[in-house]
């Protein structure tokens, strides 16, 4: 029995060694018995930092935040039964957004399956097609062939988490009792197996996809066919900031305007002569985009833009669309002319080198004027409430921080009211499946993965949906500020047709405002909370340099205040007249 237990430990240590060599530097573990060998092996391997989170759902989102902020795979570990099933929402988001995540579930041996054994379910392919690879490594076996194969299987799974389409991979490890290590007089494995155990694990180096310049000829032909071009950058990962120089070179050479959303990492100064148009959504809402400013060619980078008016622009223009992306086919309309898969920066640079040098075109000059008018209209709108909170939170991030922005209204308010986040501040987002779940936990994970301060802007429902993750704030590895917009529920639904149906039960069924005392909730978890009623109190709270521990700033806002401010901006833009 003791020999079997120590074999478990050496088997688990081999798994952890393979993870570490493949680039896993962090693991998030939830407590449990069957996962004891894995937990102890992680704790004993100094190459992997271990973080303990009680709730498996929260743990998976912490790991997702680590991986998203670091760009490296992170592991999450749980015991058998329903425990790993709590990972599912994070697994879906990791799959949809291309974030490498290692799901390491402990399991019962085959003889316990389908026999009413406690905490035993069928964990094979638990996450279906959302996992890039499922590997059941079985129960520990004292043979050199099995130990070598174990290392290879882990490394192969990790390779699938990073290439060709990054995402989650699931490793299922089975253990028999007893699980705890025991002192032994002899080694539980033979000589050949001991040699296999002492051999170093495989170091994993993954490829980067590139596109041959000759393959870009159809794209270059489209770019050369007109000077009326727009480059649109939708949500992209943190590493997309490296595309800025190549994007600026292409826009400058082709004479195209650039619309970069806040979540693209590319809303910044792109170089002399490059025309940026951060307020395209406002121009479209105001009907202030004249026909001679409509693009004939559109280059989309990354995921489709979040702006609700983007589809209306595509409907109006019928422009030839070129989609440049790292993976997949991000074309929900199904009418792109060309989809280019590969390293985005390399592709943009190759297109810039091959494109005609037009310089500032009449089209670009028209967009420069439209952008200036839209920016003036935004300032004239006097943003208050939700809009003011979005702007203040984005400005508070600073050049050394990450800015995590929640879905629904916050991501749209940031795009309108904080058009130029501080240069150098990366923007974290959850646009893979576009859910509101797990964002408190991800903010914690981001501080661990990046080692940088994080400012998060979340709606009240997003925050409360993940309230149990307040228990994980103690794990934050850098200053963390969570700004909560309390506007009385899910106010994005106010913009849907159902809001105008006149139903008396609209709030109870749709916007669902919650009756929670935020101060009492935070106090229950030992978290500092400051309530801000108005812009002055909010800015004072965010400017408090004494706050280094994780904290929540609860900002009250009148429902629909951002919509009202946007209407004022549209009115100001319309009053200026279309030219």
Protein backbone atom coordinates (compact mmCIF):
# COMPACT_ATOMS: atom_id res chain seq x y z
CA UNK A 1 0.00 0.00 0.00
CA UNK A 2 2.80 2.40 0.86
CA UNK A 3 4.68 1.59 -2.31
CA UNK A 4 1.51 2.29 -4.32
CA UNK A 5 1.12 5.65 -2.58
CA UNK A 6 4.67 6.76 -3.26
CA UNK A 7 4.26 5.71 -6.88
CA UNK A 8 1.32 8.13 -6.95
CA UNK A 9 3.58 10.89 -5.72
CA UNK A 10 6.30 10.20 -8.27
CA UNK A 11 3.70 9.95 -11.05
CA UNK A 12 2.19 13.29 -10.02
CA UNK A 13 5.67 14.85 -9.80
CA UNK A 14 6.32 13.72 -13.37
CA UNK A 15 3.11 15.43 -14.53
CA UNK A 16 4.10 18.66 -12.78
CA UNK A 17 7.63 18.55 -14.20
CA UNK A 18 6.21 18.22 -17.72
CA UNK A 19 3.87 21.16 -17.07
CA UNK A 20 6.73 23.32 -15.82
CA UNK A 21 8.96 22.52 -18.80
CA UNK A 22 6.06 23.34 -21.14
CA UNK A 23 5.78 26.85 -19.69
CA UNK A 24 3.23 26.55 -16.86
CA UNK A 25 4.36 28.91 -14.08
CA UNK A 26 1.13 29.11 -12.04
CA UNK A 27 -1.41 26.57 -10.80
CA UNK A 28 -4.68 27.29 -8.99
CA UNK A 29 -5.80 24.47 -6.71
CA UNK A 30 -9.08 23.86 -4.91
CA UNK A 31 -9.02 21.58 -1.84
CA UNK A 32 -9.98 17.92 -2.15
CA UNK A 33 -8.80 14.43 -1.27
CA UNK A 34 -8.42 12.62 -4.58
CA UNK A 35 -6.18 15.39 -5.92
CA UNK A 36 -3.75 15.09 -2.98
CA UNK A 37 -0.81 13.73 -5.04
CA UNK A 38 -1.17 16.52 -7.61
CA UNK A 39 -1.49 19.23 -4.98
CA UNK A 40 1.57 18.04 -3.04
CA UNK A 41 3.62 17.67 -6.21
CA UNK A 42 2.78 21.24 -7.21
CA UNK A 43 3.61 22.51 -3.74
CA UNK A 44 7.01 20.77 -3.89
CA UNK A 45 8.00 22.04 -7.36
CA UNK A 46 9.34 25.58 -7.02
CA UNK A 47 9.03 26.25 -10.73
CA UNK A 48 5.24 26.49 -10.37
CA UNK A 49 3.61 29.03 -8.04
CA UNK A 50 0.66 27.51 -6.20
CA UNK A 51 -2.53 29.47 -5.41
CA UNK A 52 -5.37 27.97 -3.36
CA UNK A 53 -9.00 28.97 -4.06
CA UNK A 54 -11.91 27.27 -2.30
CA UNK A 55 -14.53 27.55 -5.05
CA UNK A 56 -13.67 25.63 -8.22
CA UNK A 57 -15.60 28.04 -10.47
CA UNK A 58 -13.69 30.99 -9.06
CA UNK A 59 -10.42 29.04 -9.23
CA UNK A 60 -10.84 28.43 -12.95
CA UNK A 61 -11.46 32.13 -13.58
CA UNK A 62 -8.40 33.09 -11.50
CA UNK A 63 -6.36 30.73 -13.70
CA UNK A 64 -7.97 32.24 -16.79
CA UNK A 65 -7.00 35.72 -15.60
CA UNK A 66 -3.42 34.59 -15.03
CA UNK A 67 -3.18 33.08 -18.52
CA UNK A 68 -4.90 36.04 -20.19
CA UNK A 69 -2.60 38.59 -18.55
CA UNK A 70 0.63 36.60 -18.95
CA UNK A 71 0.05 34.99 -22.34
CA UNK A 72 1.24 31.68 -20.88
CA UNK A 73 -0.82 28.61 -19.97
CA UNK A 74 -1.95 28.37 -16.35
CA UNK A 75 -3.19 25.21 -14.65
CA UNK A 76 -6.26 24.61 -12.51
CA UNK A 77 -6.54 21.51 -10.31
CA UNK A 78 -9.55 19.89 -8.61
CA UNK A 79 -10.66 16.67 -7.04
CA UNK A 80 -13.04 14.15 -8.60
CA UNK A 81 -16.79 14.31 -9.10
CA UNK A 82 -18.68 17.53 -9.72
CA UNK A 83 -15.66 19.66 -8.72
CA UNK A 84 -14.19 20.01 -12.23
CA UNK A 85 -17.67 20.58 -13.67
CA UNK A 86 -17.58 24.00 -12.01
CA UNK A 87 -14.81 24.95 -14.42
CA UNK A 88 -17.13 24.87 -17.42
CA UNK A 89 -17.89 28.63 -17.84
CA UNK A 90 -14.17 29.48 -17.70
CA UNK A 91 -13.39 26.63 -20.09
CA UNK A 92 -15.88 28.00 -22.62
CA UNK A 93 -14.43 31.50 -22.37
CA UNK A 94 -10.87 30.18 -22.71
CA UNK A 95 -11.89 28.24 -25.80
CA UNK A 96 -13.75 31.11 -27.44
CA UNK A 97 -11.06 33.70 -26.72
CA UNK A 98 -8.06 31.47 -27.41
CA UNK A 99 -6.50 31.54 -23.93
CA UNK A 100 -4.25 28.57 -23.03
CA UNK A 101 -5.55 26.80 -19.94
CA UNK A 102 -4.59 23.41 -18.43
CA UNK A 103 -7.44 21.55 -16.72
CA UNK A 104 -5.96 18.92 -14.41
CA UNK A 105 -8.69 16.80 -12.81
CA UNK A 106 -8.13 14.02 -10.32
CA UNK A 107 -10.35 10.97 -10.80
CA UNK A 108 -11.26 7.59 -9.31
CA UNK A 109 -9.84 4.37 -10.81
CA UNK A 110 -11.76 2.40 -13.41
CA UNK A 111 -13.19 -0.05 -10.87
CA UNK A 112 -15.10 2.77 -9.13
CA UNK A 113 -16.84 3.92 -12.31
CA UNK A 114 -20.57 3.26 -12.80
CA UNK A 115 -20.80 1.55 -9.42
CA UNK A 116 -22.47 4.21 -7.23
CA UNK A 117 -19.10 5.08 -5.74
CA UNK A 118 -19.16 8.51 -4.02
CA UNK A 119 -17.71 11.53 -5.82
CA UNK A 120 -17.40 9.52 -8.99
CA UNK A 121 -18.74 10.65 -12.35
CA UNK A 122 -17.67 10.01 -15.92
CA UNK A 123 -15.03 12.71 -16.40
CA UNK A 124 -13.92 11.59 -19.86
CA UNK A 125 -14.42 14.41 -22.39
CA UNK A 126 -16.21 16.37 -19.67
CA UNK A 127 -15.79 19.62 -21.62
CA UNK A 128 -16.69 18.23 -25.02
CA UNK A 129 -15.40 20.15 -28.01
CA UNK A 130 -14.38 23.13 -25.90
CA UNK A 131 -11.20 21.27 -24.91
CA UNK A 132 -8.51 21.26 -27.59
CA UNK A 133 -7.31 17.91 -26.29
CA UNK A 134 -8.50 15.38 -23.68
CA UNK A 135 -5.98 12.93 -22.26
CA UNK A 136 -6.82 10.31 -19.64
CA UNK A 137 -3.39 9.41 -18.27
CA UNK A 138 -4.91 6.58 -16.25
CA UNK A 139 -3.64 5.30 -12.92
CA UNK A 140 0.08 5.32 -12.05
CA UNK A 141 2.06 2.43 -13.50
CA UNK A 142 5.58 1.46 -12.38
CA UNK A 143 7.14 0.96 -15.79
CA UNK A 144 9.64 3.04 -17.71
CA UNK A 145 7.45 2.94 -20.84
CA UNK A 146 4.45 4.33 -18.97
CA UNK A 147 6.48 7.06 -17.26
CA UNK A 148 8.05 8.17 -20.52
CA UNK A 149 4.65 8.12 -22.21
CA UNK A 150 3.20 10.19 -19.34
CA UNK A 151 5.68 13.00 -19.93
CA UNK A 152 5.08 12.86 -23.68
CA UNK A 153 1.28 12.91 -23.28
CA UNK A 154 1.38 15.96 -21.00
CA UNK A 155 3.74 17.80 -23.34
CA UNK A 156 1.61 16.96 -26.39
CA UNK A 157 -1.52 18.23 -24.65
CA UNK A 158 0.26 21.44 -23.66
CA UNK A 159 1.33 21.93 -27.27
CA UNK A 160 -2.34 21.84 -28.27
CA UNK A 161 -3.14 24.51 -25.68
CA UNK A 162 -0.88 26.92 -27.58
CA UNK A 163 -0.98 25.92 -31.24
CA UNK A 164 -2.53 25.95 -33.80
CA UNK A 165 -5.57 27.33 -31.94
CA UNK A 166 -4.78 28.27 -28.32
CA UNK A 167 -7.31 27.17 -25.74
CA UNK A 168 -8.00 24.74 -22.87
CA UNK A 169 -6.73 21.17 -22.66
CA UNK A 170 -7.97 18.57 -20.19
CA UNK A 171 -5.74 16.04 -18.40
CA UNK A 172 -7.51 13.44 -16.24
CA UNK A 173 -5.36 11.56 -13.68
CA UNK A 174 -6.68 8.57 -11.74
CA UNK A 175 -5.46 7.63 -8.24
CA UNK A 176 -6.24 4.77 -5.87
CA UNK A 177 -6.15 5.05 -2.09
CA UNK A 178 -4.08 5.50 -0.02
CA UNK A 179 -3.21 8.90 -1.45
CA UNK A 180 -0.83 10.34 1.15
CA UNK A 181 2.94 9.70 0.88
CA UNK A 182 4.56 7.22 3.25
CA UNK A 183 8.17 6.62 4.28
CA UNK A 184 9.66 3.65 2.41
CA UNK A 185 12.70 1.48 2.85
CA UNK A 186 12.90 0.82 -0.87
CA UNK A 187 11.94 2.55 -4.09
CA UNK A 188 8.46 1.48 -5.35
CA UNK A 189 9.62 1.46 -8.97
CA UNK A 190 12.22 -0.58 -10.78
CA UNK A 191 15.60 0.55 -12.06
CA UNK A 192 14.40 1.33 -15.61
CA UNK A 193 11.47 3.31 -14.29
CA UNK A 194 13.75 5.24 -11.93
CA UNK A 195 15.88 6.24 -14.89
CA UNK A 196 12.74 7.44 -16.69
CA UNK A 197 11.73 9.44 -13.64
CA UNK A 198 15.11 11.14 -13.34
CA UNK A 199 15.23 12.13 -17.03
CA UNK A 200 14.37 15.79 -17.65
CA UNK A 201 10.93 16.54 -19.01
CA UNK A 202 10.56 17.72 -22.59
CA UNK A 203 10.93 21.45 -23.15
CA UNK A 204 8.16 22.71 -25.41
CA UNK A 205 8.75 25.33 -28.11
CA UNK A 206 5.67 26.22 -30.15
CA UNK A 207 5.59 27.70 -33.65
CA UNK A 208 4.27 31.08 -34.76
CA UNK A 209 2.16 31.14 -37.91
CA UNK A 210 3.37 33.34 -40.75
CA UNK A 211 1.95 34.17 -44.16
CA UNK A 212 4.15 34.06 -47.25
CA UNK A 213 4.20 37.50 -48.96
CA UNK A 214 3.24 35.86 -52.27
CA UNK A 215 -0.02 34.67 -50.69
CA UNK A 216 -1.03 38.27 -49.95
CA UNK A 217 -1.29 39.28 -53.61
CA UNK A 218 -5.17 39.34 -53.62
CA UNK A 219 -5.15 41.55 -50.51
CA UNK A 220 -2.59 43.96 -51.96
CA UNK A 221 -4.73 44.20 -55.10
CA UNK A 222 -7.77 45.17 -53.04
CA UNK A 223 -5.81 47.77 -51.07
CA UNK A 224 -4.44 49.28 -54.26
CA UNK A 225 -7.89 49.52 -55.85
CA UNK A 226 -9.00 52.54 -53.79
CA UNK A 227 -7.81 55.29 -51.48
CA UNK A 228 -11.08 55.08 -49.53
CA UNK A 229 -10.08 52.53 -46.93
CA UNK A 230 -10.74 51.97 -43.22
CA UNK A 231 -8.79 49.75 -40.85
CA UNK A 232 -10.91 48.53 -37.93
CA UNK A 233 -9.33 46.90 -34.87
CA UNK A 234 -11.73 44.95 -32.65
CA UNK A 235 -11.00 43.09 -29.40
CA UNK A 236 -7.51 41.58 -29.29
CA UNK A 237 -5.24 40.10 -26.58
CA UNK A 238 -2.65 42.13 -24.70
CA UNK A 239 0.13 41.12 -27.05
CA UNK A 240 -1.60 42.93 -29.93
CA UNK A 241 0.04 46.17 -28.77
CA UNK A 242 3.08 44.92 -30.70
CA UNK A 243 1.07 45.50 -33.91
CA UNK A 244 0.99 49.29 -33.44
CA UNK A 245 4.01 50.14 -35.57
CA UNK A 246 2.95 47.87 -38.43
CA UNK A 247 -0.62 49.19 -38.28
CA UNK A 248 0.64 52.78 -38.38
CA UNK A 249 2.89 51.97 -41.33
CA UNK A 250 0.04 50.43 -43.33
CA UNK A 251 -2.40 53.24 -42.55
CA UNK A 252 0.17 55.93 -43.37
CA UNK A 253 1.29 54.34 -46.63
CA UNK A 254 -2.20 53.47 -47.91
CA UNK A 255 -3.82 56.69 -46.67
CA UNK A 256 -6.47 54.74 -44.74
CA UNK A 257 -8.24 55.90 -41.56
CA UNK A 258 -8.06 53.74 -38.41
CA UNK A 259 -10.92 52.88 -36.06
CA UNK A 260 -9.47 51.09 -33.02
CA UNK A 261 -11.72 50.06 -30.15
CA UNK A 262 -10.43 50.33 -26.59
CA UNK A 263 -10.18 46.53 -26.28
CA UNK A 264 -7.94 46.29 -29.36
CA UNK A 265 -4.78 47.50 -27.49
CA UNK A 266 -4.29 49.79 -30.51
CA UNK A 267 -6.20 52.93 -29.54
CA UNK A 268 -3.10 55.08 -29.34
CA UNK A 269 -0.89 57.42 -31.33
CA UNK A 270 0.00 55.42 -34.44
CA UNK A 271 2.52 57.84 -35.90
CA UNK A 272 2.67 61.07 -37.82
CA UNK A 273 0.01 61.47 -40.47
CA UNK A 274 -2.15 58.52 -39.34
CA UNK A 275 -5.82 59.49 -39.03
CA UNK A 276 -7.57 57.83 -36.07
CA UNK A 277 -11.35 57.81 -35.65
CA UNK A 278 -12.23 56.60 -32.15
CA UNK A 279 -15.79 57.97 -32.31
CA UNK A 280 -17.05 56.09 -35.35
CA UNK A 281 -20.00 54.72 -33.36
CA UNK A 282 -21.11 58.25 -32.45
CA UNK A 283 -20.77 59.46 -36.04
CA UNK A 284 -22.97 56.61 -37.22
CA UNK A 285 -25.58 57.18 -34.51
CA UNK A 286 -25.77 60.86 -35.48
CA UNK A 287 -26.02 60.12 -39.20
CA UNK A 288 -22.97 62.37 -39.61
CA UNK A 289 -21.03 60.14 -41.99
CA UNK A 290 -21.50 61.50 -45.54
CA UNK A 291 -21.42 59.22 -48.57
CA UNK A 292 -18.00 60.44 -49.68
CA UNK A 293 -16.58 59.30 -46.33
CA UNK A 294 -17.80 55.72 -46.72
CA UNK A 295 -14.96 53.21 -47.19
CA UNK A 296 -14.76 50.98 -50.24
CA UNK A 297 -12.30 48.61 -48.56
CA UNK A 298 -12.26 47.63 -44.88
CA UNK A 299 -9.44 45.77 -43.17
CA UNK A 300 -10.66 44.16 -39.93
CA UNK A 301 -8.04 43.13 -37.36
CA UNK A 302 -8.83 40.63 -34.63
CA UNK A 303 -12.40 39.98 -33.47
CA UNK A 304 -15.37 41.89 -34.93
CA UNK A 305 -15.85 45.35 -33.36
CA UNK A 306 -18.16 45.54 -30.33
CA UNK A 307 -19.94 48.75 -31.45
CA UNK A 308 -23.59 48.00 -32.21
CA UNK A 309 -23.53 50.38 -35.17
CA UNK A 310 -20.72 48.50 -36.92
CA UNK A 311 -23.17 46.26 -38.78
CA UNK A 312 -25.09 49.30 -39.98
CA UNK A 313 -21.90 50.68 -41.53
CA UNK A 314 -21.24 47.40 -43.33
CA UNK A 315 -24.83 47.31 -44.56
CA UNK A 316 -24.50 50.83 -45.90
CA UNK A 317 -21.13 50.52 -47.61
CA UNK A 318 -21.00 47.04 -49.09
CA UNK A 319 -17.22 47.47 -48.79
CA UNK A 320 -14.84 44.67 -49.65
CA UNK A 321 -13.73 43.28 -46.30
CA UNK A 322 -10.34 41.79 -45.48
CA UNK A 323 -10.13 39.99 -42.11
CA UNK A 324 -6.65 39.63 -40.57
CA UNK A 325 -6.52 37.37 -37.51
CA UNK A 326 -4.37 34.93 -35.59
CA UNK A 327 -6.88 32.06 -35.70
CA UNK A 328 -10.34 30.99 -36.77
CA UNK A 329 -12.62 32.86 -39.17
CA UNK A 330 -14.04 35.86 -37.24
CA UNK A 331 -16.64 36.75 -39.85
CA UNK A 332 -20.15 36.41 -38.35
CA UNK A 333 -21.71 38.06 -41.42
CA UNK A 334 -20.11 35.54 -43.76
CA UNK A 335 -19.31 38.14 -46.43
CA UNK A 336 -15.57 38.78 -46.02
CA UNK A 337 -13.66 38.87 -49.30
CA UNK A 338 -10.42 37.49 -47.82
CA UNK A 339 -9.48 36.00 -44.43
CA UNK A 340 -5.76 36.03 -43.61
CA UNK A 341 -4.65 33.80 -40.73
CA UNK A 342 -1.23 34.36 -39.24
CA UNK A 343 0.86 36.67 -37.12
CA UNK A 344 -1.05 39.96 -37.33
CA UNK A 345 1.97 42.28 -36.98
CA UNK A 346 3.90 40.41 -39.68
CA UNK A 347 0.89 40.44 -42.00
CA UNK A 348 0.31 44.17 -41.56
CA UNK A 349 3.98 44.90 -42.13
CA UNK A 350 4.02 42.81 -45.31
CA UNK A 351 0.91 44.64 -46.57
CA UNK A 352 2.48 48.01 -45.77
CA UNK A 353 5.62 47.10 -47.69
CA UNK A 354 3.61 45.97 -50.73
CA UNK A 355 1.02 48.78 -50.78
CA UNK A 356 1.28 51.93 -52.93
CA UNK A 357 2.59 54.98 -51.07
CA UNK A 358 -0.33 57.44 -51.24
CA UNK A 359 0.26 59.47 -48.11
CA UNK A 360 -2.57 61.67 -46.85
CA UNK A 361 -5.55 61.17 -49.19
CA UNK A 362 -8.68 63.29 -49.56
CA UNK A 363 -10.56 60.46 -47.84
CA UNK A 364 -8.17 60.52 -44.85
CA UNK A 365 -8.43 64.31 -44.57
CA UNK A 366 -12.24 64.05 -44.49
CA UNK A 367 -12.01 61.50 -41.69
CA UNK A 368 -9.62 63.74 -39.75
CA UNK A 369 -12.22 66.51 -39.79
CA UNK A 370 -15.06 64.15 -38.85
CA UNK A 371 -13.02 62.77 -35.96
CA UNK A 372 -12.26 66.26 -34.63
CA UNK A 373 -15.95 67.18 -34.74
CA UNK A 374 -16.95 63.99 -32.94
CA UNK A 375 -14.35 64.53 -30.22
CA UNK A 376 -15.61 68.08 -29.64
CA UNK A 377 -19.19 66.77 -29.40
CA UNK A 378 -18.15 64.23 -26.75
CA UNK A 379 -16.58 66.94 -24.63
CA UNK A 380 -19.61 69.20 -25.11
CA UNK A 381 -21.90 66.43 -23.84
CA UNK A 382 -20.65 66.82 -20.25
CA UNK A 383 -20.46 63.11 -19.39
CA UNK A 384 -22.02 62.31 -16.03
CA UNK A 385 -23.04 59.18 -14.13
CA UNK A 386 -22.12 55.96 -15.95
CA UNK A 387 -20.15 57.89 -18.58
CA UNK A 388 -18.14 59.80 -16.00
CA UNK A 389 -17.36 56.60 -14.09
CA UNK A 390 -16.07 54.89 -17.25
CA UNK A 391 -13.79 57.82 -18.03
CA UNK A 392 -12.46 58.12 -14.47
CA UNK A 393 -11.77 54.38 -14.18
CA UNK A 394 -9.87 54.28 -17.49
CA UNK A 395 -7.79 57.29 -16.50
CA UNK A 396 -7.03 55.74 -13.09
CA UNK A 397 -5.35 52.73 -14.68
CA UNK A 398 -2.20 54.68 -15.54
CA UNK A 399 0.64 53.60 -17.80
CA UNK A 400 1.88 50.82 -15.51
CA UNK A 401 -1.49 49.14 -14.92
CA UNK A 402 -3.91 46.84 -16.70
CA UNK A 403 -7.47 48.00 -17.24
CA UNK A 404 -10.04 45.19 -17.06
CA UNK A 405 -13.39 46.22 -18.49
CA UNK A 406 -16.60 44.26 -18.05
CA UNK A 407 -19.14 43.42 -20.71
CA UNK A 408 -22.56 44.95 -21.38
CA UNK A 409 -22.57 48.73 -20.78
CA UNK A 410 -19.04 49.25 -19.31
CA UNK A 411 -17.16 48.16 -22.46
CA UNK A 412 -19.36 50.39 -24.61
CA UNK A 413 -19.14 53.36 -22.22
CA UNK A 414 -15.34 53.10 -22.19
CA UNK A 415 -15.30 53.12 -25.98
CA UNK A 416 -17.32 56.36 -26.10
CA UNK A 417 -16.16 58.30 -23.07
CA UNK A 418 -12.56 57.17 -22.63
CA UNK A 419 -11.36 57.24 -26.24
CA UNK A 420 -7.65 57.40 -25.37
CA UNK A 421 -6.65 55.20 -22.42
CA UNK A 422 -3.29 56.06 -20.94
CA UNK A 423 -0.54 54.95 -23.37
CA UNK A 424 0.96 51.71 -22.16
CA UNK A 425 -2.10 50.58 -20.20
CA UNK A 426 -3.24 47.21 -21.54
CA UNK A 427 -6.96 46.44 -21.71
CA UNK A 428 -8.26 43.07 -20.54
CA UNK A 429 -11.66 41.95 -21.74
CA UNK A 430 -13.90 38.90 -22.00
CA UNK A 431 -15.14 39.08 -25.58
CA UNK A 432 -14.70 35.36 -26.32
CA UNK A 433 -18.15 34.30 -25.14
CA UNK A 434 -18.97 37.87 -23.98
CA UNK A 435 -20.26 36.72 -20.61
CA UNK A 436 -20.35 38.64 -17.32
CA UNK A 437 -19.18 35.73 -15.17
CA UNK A 438 -15.92 35.32 -13.26
CA UNK A 439 -14.55 38.83 -13.74
CA UNK A 440 -13.72 39.49 -10.08
CA UNK A 441 -11.66 36.29 -10.08
CA UNK A 442 -10.02 37.21 -13.39
CA UNK A 443 -8.98 40.58 -11.99
CA UNK A 444 -7.18 38.74 -9.19
CA UNK A 445 -5.58 36.37 -11.70
CA UNK A 446 -4.44 39.30 -13.83
CA UNK A 447 -2.42 40.77 -10.95
CA UNK A 448 -0.73 37.38 -10.54
CA UNK A 449 -0.12 36.75 -14.23
CA UNK A 450 1.17 40.22 -15.07
CA UNK A 451 2.57 41.38 -11.72
CA UNK A 452 1.07 44.80 -12.48
CA UNK A 453 -1.66 46.87 -10.81
CA UNK A 454 -5.15 46.23 -12.15
CA UNK A 455 -8.14 48.58 -12.31
CA UNK A 456 -11.37 46.77 -13.14
CA UNK A 457 -14.61 48.45 -14.26
CA UNK A 458 -17.61 46.17 -13.68
CA UNK A 459 -21.37 46.53 -13.66
CA UNK A 460 -23.23 45.82 -10.44
CA UNK A 461 -24.69 42.53 -11.71
CA UNK A 462 -21.28 41.39 -12.99
CA UNK A 463 -19.77 42.09 -9.59
CA UNK A 464 -22.53 40.40 -7.60
CA UNK A 465 -22.57 37.38 -9.93
CA UNK A 466 -18.97 36.73 -8.87
CA UNK A 467 -19.24 37.94 -5.27
CA UNK A 468 -17.85 34.67 -3.89
CA UNK A 469 -14.54 35.52 -5.59
CA UNK A 470 -14.05 38.32 -3.08
CA UNK A 471 -12.54 35.55 -0.97
CA UNK A 472 -9.71 35.36 -3.53
CA UNK A 473 -8.76 39.04 -3.35
CA UNK A 474 -6.18 38.16 -0.70
CA UNK A 475 -4.20 36.40 -3.47
CA UNK A 476 -3.73 39.61 -5.47
CA UNK A 477 -0.05 40.07 -6.29
CA UNK A 478 -0.31 43.81 -7.06
CA UNK A 479 -2.67 46.67 -6.19
CA UNK A 480 -6.20 45.88 -7.35
CA UNK A 481 -9.09 48.34 -7.57
CA UNK A 482 -12.53 47.15 -8.63
CA UNK A 483 -14.83 50.00 -9.67
CA UNK A 484 -18.47 48.92 -9.60
CA UNK A 485 -21.08 50.91 -11.54
CA UNK A 486 -24.27 50.69 -9.50
CA UNK A 487 -26.95 51.72 -11.98
CA UNK A 488 -29.67 49.43 -10.72
CA UNK A 489 -29.22 46.22 -12.69
CA UNK A 490 -28.57 45.23 -16.29
CA UNK A 491 -29.11 48.55 -18.02
CA UNK A 492 -27.97 47.34 -21.42
CA UNK A 493 -31.44 45.77 -21.68
CA UNK A 494 -32.95 49.27 -21.59
CA UNK A 495 -31.76 49.62 -25.19
CA UNK A 496 -33.59 46.51 -26.42
CA UNK A 497 -37.10 46.52 -27.93
CA UNK A 498 -38.52 44.68 -24.89
CA UNK A 499 -37.81 47.80 -22.80
CA UNK A 500 -40.38 49.67 -24.87
CA UNK A 501 -43.06 46.99 -24.60
CA UNK A 502 -44.55 48.64 -21.51
CA UNK A 503 -44.47 45.53 -19.32
CA UNK A 504 -44.88 46.25 -15.63
CA UNK A 505 -42.61 43.31 -14.77
CA UNK A 506 -39.70 44.46 -16.98
CA UNK A 507 -37.41 45.24 -14.05
CA UNK A 508 -38.18 42.02 -12.17
CA UNK A 509 -37.68 39.81 -15.23
CA UNK A 510 -35.02 41.59 -17.27
CA UNK A 511 -32.92 44.30 -15.61
CA UNK A 512 -33.13 42.48 -12.24
CA UNK A 513 -31.80 45.12 -9.80
CA UNK A 514 -30.42 43.47 -6.66
CA UNK A 515 -31.03 44.45 -3.04
CA UNK A 516 -27.58 43.98 -1.54
CA UNK A 517 -25.69 46.07 1.00
CA UNK A 518 -22.27 46.32 -0.72
CA UNK A 519 -20.49 47.50 2.44
CA UNK A 520 -21.76 44.52 4.43
CA UNK A 521 -20.85 42.14 1.59
CA UNK A 522 -17.30 43.47 1.37
CA UNK A 523 -16.91 43.45 5.14
CA UNK A 524 -17.89 39.77 5.27
CA UNK A 525 -14.82 39.01 3.15
CA UNK A 526 -12.57 41.55 4.88
CA UNK A 527 -12.37 43.74 1.77
CA UNK A 528 -12.14 47.54 1.87
CA UNK A 529 -15.05 49.30 0.14
CA UNK A 530 -15.47 53.01 -0.54
CA UNK A 531 -18.81 54.40 -1.69
CA UNK A 532 -18.63 57.23 -4.23
CA UNK A 533 -21.69 59.35 -4.88
CA UNK A 534 -20.75 61.64 -7.73
CA UNK A 535 -17.69 62.40 -9.82
CA UNK A 536 -15.74 64.31 -7.18
CA UNK A 537 -15.98 61.50 -4.63
CA UNK A 538 -15.09 58.94 -7.29
CA UNK A 539 -11.97 60.77 -8.43
CA UNK A 540 -10.90 61.32 -4.83
CA UNK A 541 -11.29 57.61 -4.08
CA UNK A 542 -9.34 56.57 -7.17
CA UNK A 543 -6.56 59.07 -6.45
CA UNK A 544 -5.99 57.75 -2.90
CA UNK A 545 -2.37 56.62 -3.17
CA UNK A 546 -2.46 54.99 0.27
CA UNK A 547 -4.59 52.12 -0.98
CA UNK A 548 -2.28 49.25 -1.89
CA UNK A 549 -4.48 46.42 -0.61
CA UNK A 550 -7.28 45.13 -2.89
CA UNK A 551 -10.34 47.37 -2.67
CA UNK A 552 -13.76 48.04 -4.13
CA UNK A 553 -14.99 51.48 -5.13
CA UNK A 554 -18.77 51.42 -5.34
CA UNK A 555 -19.90 54.21 -7.68
CA UNK A 556 -23.58 55.17 -7.76
CA UNK A 557 -25.00 56.25 -11.12
CA UNK A 558 -28.42 57.17 -12.39
CA UNK A 559 -29.73 54.47 -14.76
CA UNK A 560 -29.42 55.57 -18.37
CA UNK A 561 -27.06 58.46 -17.59
CA UNK A 562 -24.57 57.33 -20.26
CA UNK A 563 -27.39 56.99 -22.79
CA UNK A 564 -28.52 60.54 -21.97
CA UNK A 565 -24.96 61.85 -22.32
CA UNK A 566 -24.61 60.04 -25.64
CA UNK A 567 -27.83 61.68 -26.82
CA UNK A 568 -26.36 65.08 -25.91
CA UNK A 569 -23.23 64.25 -27.91
CA UNK A 570 -25.33 63.20 -30.90
CA UNK A 571 -27.29 66.43 -30.65
CA UNK A 572 -24.08 68.48 -30.52
CA UNK A 573 -22.70 66.61 -33.50
CA UNK A 574 -25.93 67.02 -35.46
CA UNK A 575 -26.07 70.74 -34.65
CA UNK A 576 -22.65 71.09 -36.27
CA UNK A 577 -24.13 69.86 -39.54
CA UNK A 578 -22.77 67.27 -41.95
CA UNK A 579 -20.23 68.56 -44.44
